[in-house]
């Protein structure tokens, strides 16, 4: 099986055939992480309900939680208006970040000047 051709036609991939996936907790809106997907990773995600990504460093697919015990159960998936970003809304069990933090964005806020 492969990715639905209608979905594949909407994707705008980078030169490596990848699309960024923003991952969000479905019930709170909390942004958990950003990962990368190709057509196969998206197909696996949509058919299994388990978030599956492409590891750019390891050059292999990984199912979130398969080794960590912190799975992501996909509640919905959407493409942005340009087809160049995927939004996954998931039920995250445990932590999302490989560092052990709840999200990959717990490292601290960057300084932003006050508006006005």
PDB file of N, CA and C in Angstrom:
ATOM      1  N   UNK A   1       0.851  -1.181   0.000  1.00  0.00           N
ATOM      2  CA  UNK A   1       0.000   0.000   0.000  1.00  0.00           C
ATOM      3  C   UNK A   1       0.893   1.241   0.000  1.00  0.00           C
ATOM      4  N   UNK A   2       0.320   2.331  -0.451  1.00  0.00           N
ATOM      5  CA  UNK A   2       1.050   3.592  -0.450  1.00  0.00           C
ATOM      6  C   UNK A   2       0.088   4.720  -0.091  1.00  0.00           C
ATOM      7  N   UNK A   3       0.664   5.896   0.086  1.00  0.00           N
ATOM      8  CA  UNK A   3      -0.121   7.066   0.447  1.00  0.00           C
ATOM      9  C   UNK A   3      -1.171   7.347  -0.622  1.00  0.00           C
ATOM     10  N   UNK A   4      -2.364   7.692  -0.197  1.00  0.00           N
ATOM     11  CA  UNK A   4      -3.455   8.053  -1.096  1.00  0.00           C
ATOM     12  C   UNK A   4      -2.938   9.092  -2.099  1.00  0.00           C
ATOM     13  N   UNK A   5      -3.091   8.841  -3.402  1.00  0.00           N
ATOM     14  CA  UNK A   5      -2.579   9.772  -4.405  1.00  0.00           C
ATOM     15  C   UNK A   5      -3.132  11.191  -4.269  1.00  0.00           C
ATOM     16  N   UNK A   6      -4.358  11.327  -3.798  1.00  0.00           N
ATOM     17  CA  UNK A   6      -4.932  12.667  -3.617  1.00  0.00           C
ATOM     18  C   UNK A   6      -4.194  13.429  -2.521  1.00  0.00           C
ATOM     19  N   UNK A   7      -3.779  12.734  -1.469  1.00  0.00           N
ATOM     20  CA  UNK A   7      -3.006  13.376  -0.396  1.00  0.00           C
ATOM     21  C   UNK A   7      -1.594  13.649  -0.890  1.00  0.00           C
ATOM     22  N   UNK A   8      -0.988  12.667  -1.544  1.00  0.00           N
ATOM     23  CA  UNK A   8       0.377  12.828  -2.055  1.00  0.00           C
ATOM     24  C   UNK A   8       0.476  14.020  -2.996  1.00  0.00           C
ATOM     25  N   UNK A   9      -0.538  14.244  -3.814  1.00  0.00           N
ATOM     26  CA  UNK A   9      -0.527  15.350  -4.772  1.00  0.00           C
ATOM     27  C   UNK A   9      -0.550  16.710  -4.083  1.00  0.00           C
ATOM     28  N   UNK A  10      -1.077  16.767  -2.875  1.00  0.00           N
ATOM     29  CA  UNK A  10      -1.162  18.039  -2.144  1.00  0.00           C
ATOM     30  C   UNK A  10       0.126  18.386  -1.405  1.00  0.00           C
ATOM     31  N   UNK A  11       0.999  17.401  -1.161  1.00  0.00           N
ATOM     32  CA  UNK A  11       2.210  17.636  -0.379  1.00  0.00           C
ATOM     33  C   UNK A  11       3.263  18.400  -1.165  1.00  0.00           C
ATOM     34  N   UNK A  12       3.868  19.361  -0.497  1.00  0.00           N
ATOM     35  CA  UNK A  12       5.030  20.062  -1.038  1.00  0.00           C
ATOM     36  C   UNK A  12       6.215  19.664  -0.170  1.00  0.00           C
ATOM     37  N   UNK A  13       7.084  18.848  -0.742  1.00  0.00           N
ATOM     38  CA  UNK A  13       8.193  18.256  -0.008  1.00  0.00           C
ATOM     39  C   UNK A  13       9.463  19.080  -0.186  1.00  0.00           C
ATOM     40  N   UNK A  14      10.383  18.960   0.772  1.00  0.00           N
ATOM     41  CA  UNK A  14      11.697  19.591   0.620  1.00  0.00           C
ATOM     42  C   UNK A  14      12.521  18.738  -0.347  1.00  0.00           C
ATOM     43  N   UNK A  15      13.739  19.153  -0.677  1.00  0.00           N
ATOM     44  CA  UNK A  15      14.543  18.381  -1.633  1.00  0.00           C
ATOM     45  C   UNK A  15      14.810  16.928  -1.224  1.00  0.00           C
ATOM     46  N   UNK A  16      14.687  16.622   0.062  1.00  0.00           N
ATOM     47  CA  UNK A  16      14.867  15.247   0.540  1.00  0.00           C
ATOM     48  C   UNK A  16      13.562  14.462   0.565  1.00  0.00           C
ATOM     49  N   UNK A  17      12.476  15.068   0.074  1.00  0.00           N
ATOM     50  CA  UNK A  17      11.181  14.387   0.053  1.00  0.00           C
ATOM     51  C   UNK A  17      10.443  14.432   1.371  1.00  0.00           C
ATOM     52  N   UNK A  18      10.833  15.356   2.249  1.00  0.00           N
ATOM     53  CA  UNK A  18      10.265  15.423   3.597  1.00  0.00           C
ATOM     54  C   UNK A  18       9.354  16.637   3.776  1.00  0.00           C
ATOM     55  N   UNK A  19       8.430  16.475   4.728  1.00  0.00           N
ATOM     56  CA  UNK A  19       7.513  17.539   5.127  1.00  0.00           C
ATOM     57  C   UNK A  19       7.570  17.627   6.651  1.00  0.00           C
ATOM     58  N   UNK A  20       7.680  18.845   7.214  1.00  0.00           N
ATOM     59  CA  UNK A  20       7.668  18.946   8.673  1.00  0.00           C
ATOM     60  C   UNK A  20       6.281  18.633   9.233  1.00  0.00           C
ATOM     61  N   UNK A  21       6.282  17.993  10.388  1.00  0.00           N
ATOM     62  CA  UNK A  21       5.036  17.672  11.095  1.00  0.00           C
ATOM     63  C   UNK A  21       5.077  18.334  12.466  1.00  0.00           C
ATOM     64  N   UNK A  22       4.165  19.264  12.681  1.00  0.00           N
ATOM     65  CA  UNK A  22       3.997  19.888  13.983  1.00  0.00           C
ATOM     66  C   UNK A  22       3.060  18.978  14.776  1.00  0.00           C
ATOM     67  N   UNK A  23       3.482  18.628  15.985  1.00  0.00           N
ATOM     68  CA  UNK A  23       2.717  17.676  16.786  1.00  0.00           C
ATOM     69  C   UNK A  23       2.152  18.392  18.008  1.00  0.00           C
ATOM     70  N   UNK A  24       0.847  18.274  18.185  1.00  0.00           N
ATOM     71  CA  UNK A  24       0.117  19.016  19.205  1.00  0.00           C
ATOM     72  C   UNK A  24      -0.737  18.060  20.035  1.00  0.00           C
ATOM     73  N   UNK A  25      -0.790  18.295  21.339  1.00  0.00           N
ATOM     74  CA  UNK A  25      -1.680  17.522  22.212  1.00  0.00           C
ATOM     75  C   UNK A  25      -3.122  17.857  21.835  1.00  0.00           C
ATOM     76  N   UNK A  26      -3.919  16.851  21.540  1.00  0.00           N
ATOM     77  CA  UNK A  26      -5.250  17.073  20.970  1.00  0.00           C
ATOM     78  C   UNK A  26      -6.205  17.819  21.887  1.00  0.00           C
ATOM     79  N   UNK A  27      -6.129  17.637  23.183  1.00  0.00           N
ATOM     80  CA  UNK A  27      -7.137  18.223  24.068  1.00  0.00           C
ATOM     81  C   UNK A  27      -6.715  19.536  24.713  1.00  0.00           C
ATOM     82  N   UNK A  28      -5.425  19.854  24.706  1.00  0.00           N
ATOM     83  CA  UNK A  28      -4.966  21.097  25.333  1.00  0.00           C
ATOM     84  C   UNK A  28      -4.387  22.092  24.338  1.00  0.00           C
ATOM     85  N   UNK A  29      -4.022  21.616  23.150  1.00  0.00           N
ATOM     86  CA  UNK A  29      -3.400  22.484  22.165  1.00  0.00           C
ATOM     87  C   UNK A  29      -1.909  22.671  22.379  1.00  0.00           C
ATOM     88  N   UNK A  30      -1.357  22.059  23.414  1.00  0.00           N
ATOM     89  CA  UNK A  30       0.070  22.176  23.712  1.00  0.00           C
ATOM     90  C   UNK A  30       0.897  21.636  22.533  1.00  0.00           C
ATOM     91  N   UNK A  31       1.861  22.434  22.057  1.00  0.00           N
ATOM     92  CA  UNK A  31       2.744  21.986  20.991  1.00  0.00           C
ATOM     93  C   UNK A  31       3.828  21.116  21.621  1.00  0.00           C
ATOM     94  N   UNK A  32       3.927  19.886  21.148  1.00  0.00           N
ATOM     95  CA  UNK A  32       4.824  18.903  21.749  1.00  0.00           C
ATOM     96  C   UNK A  32       6.175  18.819  21.060  1.00  0.00           C
ATOM     97  N   UNK A  33       6.167  18.823  19.738  1.00  0.00           N
ATOM     98  CA  UNK A  33       7.412  18.591  19.014  1.00  0.00           C
ATOM     99  C   UNK A  33       7.226  18.889  17.540  1.00  0.00           C
ATOM    100  N   UNK A  34       8.338  18.864  16.830  1.00  0.00           N
ATOM    101  CA  UNK A  34       8.342  18.920  15.380  1.00  0.00           C
ATOM    102  C   UNK A  34       9.164  17.732  14.906  1.00  0.00           C
ATOM    103  N   UNK A  35       8.646  17.033  13.909  1.00  0.00           N
ATOM    104  CA  UNK A  35       9.362  15.892  13.344  1.00  0.00           C
ATOM    105  C   UNK A  35       9.196  15.942  11.832  1.00  0.00           C
ATOM    106  N   UNK A  36       9.764  14.975  11.146  1.00  0.00           N
ATOM    107  CA  UNK A  36       9.741  14.951   9.690  1.00  0.00           C
ATOM    108  C   UNK A  36       9.054  13.699   9.186  1.00  0.00           C
ATOM    109  N   UNK A  37       8.298  13.857   8.100  1.00  0.00           N
ATOM    110  CA  UNK A  37       7.598  12.738   7.490  1.00  0.00           C
ATOM    111  C   UNK A  37       7.838  12.748   5.988  1.00  0.00           C
ATOM    112  N   UNK A  38       7.928  11.554   5.422  1.00  0.00           N
ATOM    113  CA  UNK A  38       7.859  11.409   3.976  1.00  0.00           C
ATOM    114  C   UNK A  38       6.526  10.724   3.676  1.00  0.00           C
ATOM    115  N   UNK A  39       6.293  10.400   2.429  1.00  0.00           N
ATOM    116  CA  UNK A  39       5.011   9.796   2.059  1.00  0.00           C
ATOM    117  C   UNK A  39       4.747   8.509   2.839  1.00  0.00           C
ATOM    118  N   UNK A  40       5.775   7.675   2.998  1.00  0.00           N
ATOM    119  CA  UNK A  40       5.597   6.402   3.697  1.00  0.00           C
ATOM    120  C   UNK A  40       5.280   6.613   5.175  1.00  0.00           C
ATOM    121  N   UNK A  41       5.970   7.537   5.819  1.00  0.00           N
ATOM    122  CA  UNK A  41       5.701   7.813   7.237  1.00  0.00           C
ATOM    123  C   UNK A  41       4.267   8.319   7.421  1.00  0.00           C
ATOM    124  N   UNK A  42       3.827   9.193   6.524  1.00  0.00           N
ATOM    125  CA  UNK A  42       2.457   9.694   6.619  1.00  0.00           C
ATOM    126  C   UNK A  42       1.457   8.571   6.364  1.00  0.00           C
ATOM    127  N   UNK A  43       1.734   7.737   5.382  1.00  0.00           N
ATOM    128  CA  UNK A  43       0.858   6.592   5.108  1.00  0.00           C
ATOM    129  C   UNK A  43       0.740   5.685   6.334  1.00  0.00           C
ATOM    130  N   UNK A  44       1.880   5.352   6.939  1.00  0.00           N
ATOM    131  CA  UNK A  44       1.862   4.491   8.128  1.00  0.00           C
ATOM    132  C   UNK A  44       1.086   5.145   9.265  1.00  0.00           C
ATOM    133  N   UNK A  45       1.273   6.435   9.437  1.00  0.00           N
ATOM    134  CA  UNK A  45       0.569   7.165  10.496  1.00  0.00           C
ATOM    135  C   UNK A  45      -0.935   7.115  10.283  1.00  0.00           C
ATOM    136  N   UNK A  46      -1.358   7.394   9.054  1.00  0.00           N
ATOM    137  CA  UNK A  46      -2.795   7.434   8.760  1.00  0.00           C
ATOM    138  C   UNK A  46      -3.452   6.064   8.801  1.00  0.00           C
ATOM    139  N   UNK A  47      -2.697   5.013   8.543  1.00  0.00           N
ATOM    140  CA  UNK A  47      -3.295   3.673   8.525  1.00  0.00           C
ATOM    141  C   UNK A  47      -3.209   2.943   9.860  1.00  0.00           C
ATOM    142  N   UNK A  48      -2.245   3.326  10.713  1.00  0.00           N
ATOM    143  CA  UNK A  48      -2.099   2.627  11.991  1.00  0.00           C
ATOM    144  C   UNK A  48      -2.613   3.423  13.184  1.00  0.00           C
ATOM    145  N   UNK A  49      -2.701   4.752  13.038  1.00  0.00           N
ATOM    146  CA  UNK A  49      -3.072   5.589  14.171  1.00  0.00           C
ATOM    147  C   UNK A  49      -1.928   5.848  15.132  1.00  0.00           C
ATOM    148  N   UNK A  50      -0.728   5.370  14.809  1.00  0.00           N
ATOM    149  CA  UNK A  50       0.483   5.598  15.593  1.00  0.00           C
ATOM    150  C   UNK A  50       1.363   6.578  14.832  1.00  0.00           C
ATOM    151  N   UNK A  51       1.834   7.617  15.495  1.00  0.00           N
ATOM    152  CA  UNK A  51       2.690   8.606  14.845  1.00  0.00           C
ATOM    153  C   UNK A  51       4.006   7.960  14.421  1.00  0.00           C
ATOM    154  N   UNK A  52       4.277   8.030  13.128  1.00  0.00           N
ATOM    155  CA  UNK A  52       5.477   7.448  12.542  1.00  0.00           C
ATOM    156  C   UNK A  52       6.220   8.539  11.792  1.00  0.00           C
ATOM    157  N   UNK A  53       7.514   8.631  12.020  1.00  0.00           N
ATOM    158  CA  UNK A  53       8.320   9.710  11.448  1.00  0.00           C
ATOM    159  C   UNK A  53       9.533   9.148  10.732  1.00  0.00           C
ATOM    160  N   UNK A  54      10.209  10.031   9.969  1.00  0.00           N
ATOM    161  CA  UNK A  54      11.481   9.709   9.338  1.00  0.00           C
ATOM    162  C   UNK A  54      12.572  10.390  10.140  1.00  0.00           C
ATOM    163  N   UNK A  55      13.540   9.623  10.588  1.00  0.00           N
ATOM    164  CA  UNK A  55      14.684  10.174  11.315  1.00  0.00           C
ATOM    165  C   UNK A  55      15.738  10.605  10.316  1.00  0.00           C
ATOM    166  N   UNK A  56      15.998  11.901  10.257  1.00  0.00           N
ATOM    167  CA  UNK A  56      17.013  12.409   9.337  1.00  0.00           C
ATOM    168  C   UNK A  56      18.414  11.977   9.763  1.00  0.00           C
ATOM    169  N   UNK A  57      18.653  11.833  11.053  1.00  0.00           N
ATOM    170  CA  UNK A  57      19.985  11.449  11.513  1.00  0.00           C
ATOM    171  C   UNK A  57      20.235   9.950  11.367  1.00  0.00           C
ATOM    172  N   UNK A  58      19.247   9.129  11.688  1.00  0.00           N
ATOM    173  CA  UNK A  58      19.410   7.674  11.608  1.00  0.00           C
ATOM    174  C   UNK A  58      19.035   7.098  10.249  1.00  0.00           C
ATOM    175  N   UNK A  59      18.353   7.914   9.431  1.00  0.00           N
ATOM    176  CA  UNK A  59      17.917   7.464   8.095  1.00  0.00           C
ATOM    177  C   UNK A  59      17.033   6.220   8.182  1.00  0.00           C
ATOM    178  N   UNK A  60      16.039   6.303   9.101  1.00  0.00           N
ATOM    179  CA  UNK A  60      15.096   5.195   9.246  1.00  0.00           C
ATOM    180  C   UNK A  60      13.789   5.709   9.825  1.00  0.00           C
ATOM    181  N   UNK A  61      12.742   4.898   9.682  1.00  0.00           N
ATOM    182  CA  UNK A  61      11.445   5.239  10.257  1.00  0.00           C
ATOM    183  C   UNK A  61      11.456   4.938  11.738  1.00  0.00           C
ATOM    184  N   UNK A  62      10.706   5.739  12.500  1.00  0.00           N
ATOM    185  CA  UNK A  62      10.532   5.438  13.918  1.00  0.00           C
ATOM    186  C   UNK A  62       9.090   5.724  14.311  1.00  0.00           C
ATOM    187  N   UNK A  63       8.550   4.798  15.061  1.00  0.00           N
ATOM    188  CA  UNK A  63       7.202   4.929  15.603  1.00  0.00           C
ATOM    189  C   UNK A  63       7.356   5.513  16.997  1.00  0.00           C
ATOM    190  N   UNK A  64       6.776   6.684  17.207  1.00  0.00           N
ATOM    191  CA  UNK A  64       6.926   7.375  18.493  1.00  0.00           C
ATOM    192  C   UNK A  64       6.454   6.462  19.624  1.00  0.00           C
ATOM    193  N   UNK A  65       7.336   6.228  20.574  1.00  0.00           N
ATOM    194  CA  UNK A  65       7.014   5.423  21.742  1.00  0.00           C
ATOM    195  C   UNK A  65       7.394   3.966  21.633  1.00  0.00           C
ATOM    196  N   UNK A  66       7.819   3.524  20.452  1.00  0.00           N
ATOM    197  CA  UNK A  66       8.146   2.110  20.279  1.00  0.00           C
ATOM    198  C   UNK A  66       9.281   1.667  21.193  1.00  0.00           C
ATOM    199  N   UNK A  67      10.278   2.532  21.378  1.00  0.00           N
ATOM    200  CA  UNK A  67      11.374   2.179  22.285  1.00  0.00           C
ATOM    201  C   UNK A  67      11.278   2.923  23.609  1.00  0.00           C
ATOM    202  N   UNK A  68      10.695   4.113  23.621  1.00  0.00           N
ATOM    203  CA  UNK A  68      10.637   4.920  24.852  1.00  0.00           C
ATOM    204  C   UNK A  68       9.472   4.553  25.757  1.00  0.00           C
ATOM    205  N   UNK A  69       8.429   3.948  25.175  1.00  0.00           N
ATOM    206  CA  UNK A  69       7.227   3.675  25.955  1.00  0.00           C
ATOM    207  C   UNK A  69       6.311   4.879  26.075  1.00  0.00           C
ATOM    208  N   UNK A  70       6.576   5.926  25.283  1.00  0.00           N
ATOM    209  CA  UNK A  70       5.764   7.153  25.306  1.00  0.00           C
ATOM    210  C   UNK A  70       5.103   7.371  23.943  1.00  0.00           C
ATOM    211  N   UNK A  71       4.099   6.565  23.618  1.00  0.00           N
ATOM    212  CA  UNK A  71       3.508   6.630  22.281  1.00  0.00           C
ATOM    213  C   UNK A  71       2.651   7.873  22.047  1.00  0.00           C
ATOM    214  N   UNK A  72       2.469   8.149  20.775  1.00  0.00           N
ATOM    215  CA  UNK A  72       1.530   9.180  20.348  1.00  0.00           C
ATOM    216  C   UNK A  72       0.424   8.493  19.558  1.00  0.00           C
ATOM    217  N   UNK A  73      -0.802   8.606  20.057  1.00  0.00           N
ATOM    218  CA  UNK A  73      -1.964   8.062  19.381  1.00  0.00           C
ATOM    219  C   UNK A  73      -2.604   9.198  18.595  1.00  0.00           C
ATOM    220  N   UNK A  74      -2.651   9.062  17.301  1.00  0.00           N
ATOM    221  CA  UNK A  74      -3.099  10.140  16.426  1.00  0.00           C
ATOM    222  C   UNK A  74      -4.612  10.270  16.472  1.00  0.00           C
ATOM    223  N   UNK A  75      -5.062  11.489  16.774  1.00  0.00           N
ATOM    224  CA  UNK A  75      -6.492  11.810  16.805  1.00  0.00           C
ATOM    225  C   UNK A  75      -6.942  12.457  15.505  1.00  0.00           C
ATOM    226  N   UNK A  76      -6.062  13.266  14.880  1.00  0.00           N
ATOM    227  CA  UNK A  76      -6.376  13.866  13.588  1.00  0.00           C
ATOM    228  C   UNK A  76      -5.086  14.295  12.907  1.00  0.00           C
ATOM    229  N   UNK A  77      -5.181  14.458  11.598  1.00  0.00           N
ATOM    230  CA  UNK A  77      -4.059  14.932  10.795  1.00  0.00           C
ATOM    231  C   UNK A  77      -4.606  15.906   9.768  1.00  0.00           C
ATOM    232  N   UNK A  78      -3.837  16.973   9.523  1.00  0.00           N
ATOM    233  CA  UNK A  78      -4.271  17.979   8.554  1.00  0.00           C
ATOM    234  C   UNK A  78      -3.053  18.567   7.859  1.00  0.00           C
ATOM    235  N   UNK A  79      -3.271  19.022   6.627  1.00  0.00           N
ATOM    236  CA  UNK A  79      -2.244  19.762   5.903  1.00  0.00           C
ATOM    237  C   UNK A  79      -2.561  21.243   6.005  1.00  0.00           C
ATOM    238  N   UNK A  80      -1.515  22.070   6.037  1.00  0.00           N
ATOM    239  CA  UNK A  80      -1.761  23.506   6.007  1.00  0.00           C
ATOM    240  C   UNK A  80      -2.172  23.920   4.593  1.00  0.00           C
ATOM    241  N   UNK A  81      -2.503  25.188   4.441  1.00  0.00           N
ATOM    242  CA  UNK A  81      -3.047  25.693   3.177  1.00  0.00           C
ATOM    243  C   UNK A  81      -2.094  25.526   2.007  1.00  0.00           C
ATOM    244  N   UNK A  82      -0.793  25.498   2.254  1.00  0.00           N
ATOM    245  CA  UNK A  82       0.198  25.346   1.190  1.00  0.00           C
ATOM    246  C   UNK A  82       0.601  23.897   0.944  1.00  0.00           C
ATOM    247  N   UNK A  83       0.199  22.991   1.826  1.00  0.00           N
ATOM    248  CA  UNK A  83       0.575  21.592   1.689  1.00  0.00           C
ATOM    249  C   UNK A  83       2.009  21.306   2.072  1.00  0.00           C
ATOM    250  N   UNK A  84       2.648  22.273   2.788  1.00  0.00           N
ATOM    251  CA  UNK A  84       4.052  22.066   3.131  1.00  0.00           C
ATOM    252  C   UNK A  84       4.299  21.828   4.614  1.00  0.00           C
ATOM    253  N   UNK A  85       3.233  21.660   5.382  1.00  0.00           N
ATOM    254  CA  UNK A  85       3.354  21.323   6.801  1.00  0.00           C
ATOM    255  C   UNK A  85       2.169  20.452   7.198  1.00  0.00           C
ATOM    256  N   UNK A  86       2.456  19.446   8.001  1.00  0.00           N
ATOM    257  CA  UNK A  86       1.416  18.555   8.528  1.00  0.00           C
ATOM    258  C   UNK A  86       1.193  18.911   9.987  1.00  0.00           C
ATOM    259  N   UNK A  87      -0.053  18.939  10.401  1.00  0.00           N
ATOM    260  CA  UNK A  87      -0.404  19.107  11.812  1.00  0.00           C
ATOM    261  C   UNK A  87      -0.988  17.792  12.297  1.00  0.00           C
ATOM    262  N   UNK A  88      -0.314  17.189  13.278  1.00  0.00           N
ATOM    263  CA  UNK A  88      -0.840  15.989  13.924  1.00  0.00           C
ATOM    264  C   UNK A  88      -1.348  16.377  15.300  1.00  0.00           C
ATOM    265  N   UNK A  89      -2.584  16.044  15.570  1.00  0.00           N
ATOM    266  CA  UNK A  89      -3.136  16.213  16.913  1.00  0.00           C
ATOM    267  C   UNK A  89      -3.167  14.813  17.514  1.00  0.00           C
ATOM    268  N   UNK A  90      -2.471  14.661  18.648  1.00  0.00           N
ATOM    269  CA  UNK A  90      -2.240  13.339  19.214  1.00  0.00           C
ATOM    270  C   UNK A  90      -2.636  13.288  20.684  1.00  0.00           C
ATOM    271  N   UNK A  91      -2.777  12.066  21.171  1.00  0.00           N
ATOM    272  CA  UNK A  91      -2.848  11.820  22.603  1.00  0.00           C
ATOM    273  C   UNK A  91      -1.466  11.314  22.991  1.00  0.00           C
ATOM    274  N   UNK A  92      -0.684  12.185  23.610  1.00  0.00           N
ATOM    275  CA  UNK A  92       0.678  11.848  24.015  1.00  0.00           C
ATOM    276  C   UNK A  92       0.650  11.135  25.349  1.00  0.00           C
ATOM    277  N   UNK A  93       1.207   9.939  25.399  1.00  0.00           N
ATOM    278  CA  UNK A  93       1.346   9.197  26.646  1.00  0.00           C
ATOM    279  C   UNK A  93       2.754   9.465  27.166  1.00  0.00           C
ATOM    280  N   UNK A  94       2.863  10.013  28.359  1.00  0.00           N
ATOM    281  CA  UNK A  94       4.175  10.328  28.911  1.00  0.00           C
ATOM    282  C   UNK A  94       4.767  11.555  28.252  1.00  0.00           C
ATOM    283  N   UNK A  95       6.086  11.581  28.150  1.00  0.00           N
ATOM    284  CA  UNK A  95       6.786  12.742  27.613  1.00  0.00           C
ATOM    285  C   UNK A  95       6.948  12.625  26.098  1.00  0.00           C
ATOM    286  N   UNK A  96       7.070  13.774  25.443  1.00  0.00           N
ATOM    287  CA  UNK A  96       7.256  13.777  23.994  1.00  0.00           C
ATOM    288  C   UNK A  96       8.718  13.916  23.602  1.00  0.00           C
ATOM    289  N   UNK A  97       9.504  14.607  24.411  1.00  0.00           N
ATOM    290  CA  UNK A  97      10.875  14.930  24.031  1.00  0.00           C
ATOM    291  C   UNK A  97      11.858  13.840  24.457  1.00  0.00           C
ATOM    292  N   UNK A  98      12.866  13.621  23.632  1.00  0.00           N
ATOM    293  CA  UNK A  98      13.890  12.612  23.944  1.00  0.00           C
ATOM    294  C   UNK A  98      14.715  12.999  25.174  1.00  0.00           C
ATOM    295  N   UNK A  99      14.629  14.274  25.610  1.00  0.00           N
ATOM    296  CA  UNK A  99      15.367  14.710  26.801  1.00  0.00           C
ATOM    297  C   UNK A  99      14.648  14.348  28.095  1.00  0.00           C
ATOM    298  N   UNK A 100      13.395  13.898  27.959  1.00  0.00           N
ATOM    299  CA  UNK A 100      12.597  13.588  29.139  1.00  0.00           C
ATOM    300  C   UNK A 100      11.640  14.689  29.523  1.00  0.00           C
ATOM    301  N   UNK A 101      11.651  15.798  28.790  1.00  0.00           N
ATOM    302  CA  UNK A 101      10.697  16.882  29.041  1.00  0.00           C
ATOM    303  C   UNK A 101       9.362  16.566  28.386  1.00  0.00           C
ATOM    304  N   UNK A 102       8.319  17.170  28.896  1.00  0.00           N
ATOM    305  CA  UNK A 102       6.983  16.959  28.343  1.00  0.00           C
ATOM    306  C   UNK A 102       6.936  17.343  26.861  1.00  0.00           C
ATOM    307  N   UNK A 103       7.514  18.505  26.521  1.00  0.00           N
ATOM    308  CA  UNK A 103       7.561  18.943  25.138  1.00  0.00           C
ATOM    309  C   UNK A 103       9.008  19.238  24.750  1.00  0.00           C
ATOM    310  N   UNK A 104       9.248  19.353  23.468  1.00  0.00           N
ATOM    311  CA  UNK A 104      10.572  19.724  22.981  1.00  0.00           C
ATOM    312  C   UNK A 104      10.806  21.226  23.100  1.00  0.00           C
ATOM    313  N   UNK A 105       9.814  21.952  23.593  1.00  0.00           N
ATOM    314  CA  UNK A 105       9.906  23.407  23.706  1.00  0.00           C
ATOM    315  C   UNK A 105       9.982  23.858  25.159  1.00  0.00           C
ATOM    316  N   UNK A 106      10.471  22.988  26.041  1.00  0.00           N
ATOM    317  CA  UNK A 106      10.629  23.320  27.457  1.00  0.00           C
ATOM    318  C   UNK A 106      11.996  23.897  27.803  1.00  0.00           C
ATOM    319  N   UNK A 107      12.824  24.157  26.787  1.00  0.00           N
ATOM    320  CA  UNK A 107      14.193  24.622  27.035  1.00  0.00           C
ATOM    321  C   UNK A 107      14.264  26.096  27.426  1.00  0.00           C
ATOM    322  N   UNK A 108      13.154  26.781  27.428  1.00  0.00           N
ATOM    323  CA  UNK A 108      13.148  28.185  27.827  1.00  0.00           C
ATOM    324  C   UNK A 108      12.783  29.101  26.687  1.00  0.00           C
ATOM    325  N   UNK A 109      12.117  30.159  27.053  1.00  0.00           N
ATOM    326  CA  UNK A 109      11.653  31.126  26.062  1.00  0.00           C
ATOM    327  C   UNK A 109      12.810  31.999  25.596  1.00  0.00           C
ATOM    328  N   UNK A 110      12.715  32.456  24.369  1.00  0.00           N
ATOM    329  CA  UNK A 110      13.664  33.405  23.821  1.00  0.00           C
ATOM    330  C   UNK A 110      13.178  34.819  24.129  1.00  0.00           C
ATOM    331  N   UNK A 111      14.102  35.742  24.279  1.00  0.00           N
ATOM    332  CA  UNK A 111      13.747  37.124  24.591  1.00  0.00           C
ATOM    333  C   UNK A 111      13.066  37.763  23.386  1.00  0.00           C
ATOM    334  N   UNK A 112      11.940  38.390  23.633  1.00  0.00           N
ATOM    335  CA  UNK A 112      11.191  39.109  22.615  1.00  0.00           C
ATOM    336  C   UNK A 112      10.912  40.510  23.150  1.00  0.00           C
ATOM    337  N   UNK A 113      11.152  41.544  22.351  1.00  0.00           N
ATOM    338  CA  UNK A 113      10.892  42.895  22.845  1.00  0.00           C
ATOM    339  C   UNK A 113       9.409  43.112  23.104  1.00  0.00           C
ATOM    340  N   UNK A 114       9.121  43.954  24.068  1.00  0.00           N
ATOM    341  CA  UNK A 114       7.731  44.260  24.394  1.00  0.00           C
ATOM    342  C   UNK A 114       7.066  44.969  23.226  1.00  0.00           C
ATOM    343  N   UNK A 115       5.818  44.624  22.984  1.00  0.00           N
ATOM    344  CA  UNK A 115       5.058  45.276  21.912  1.00  0.00           C
ATOM    345  C   UNK A 115       4.689  46.698  22.312  1.00  0.00           C
ATOM    346  N   UNK A 116       4.584  47.540  21.319  1.00  0.00           N
ATOM    347  CA  UNK A 116       4.068  48.849  21.639  1.00  0.00           C
ATOM    348  C   UNK A 116       4.899  49.941  21.229  1.00  0.00           C
TER     349      UNK A 116
END
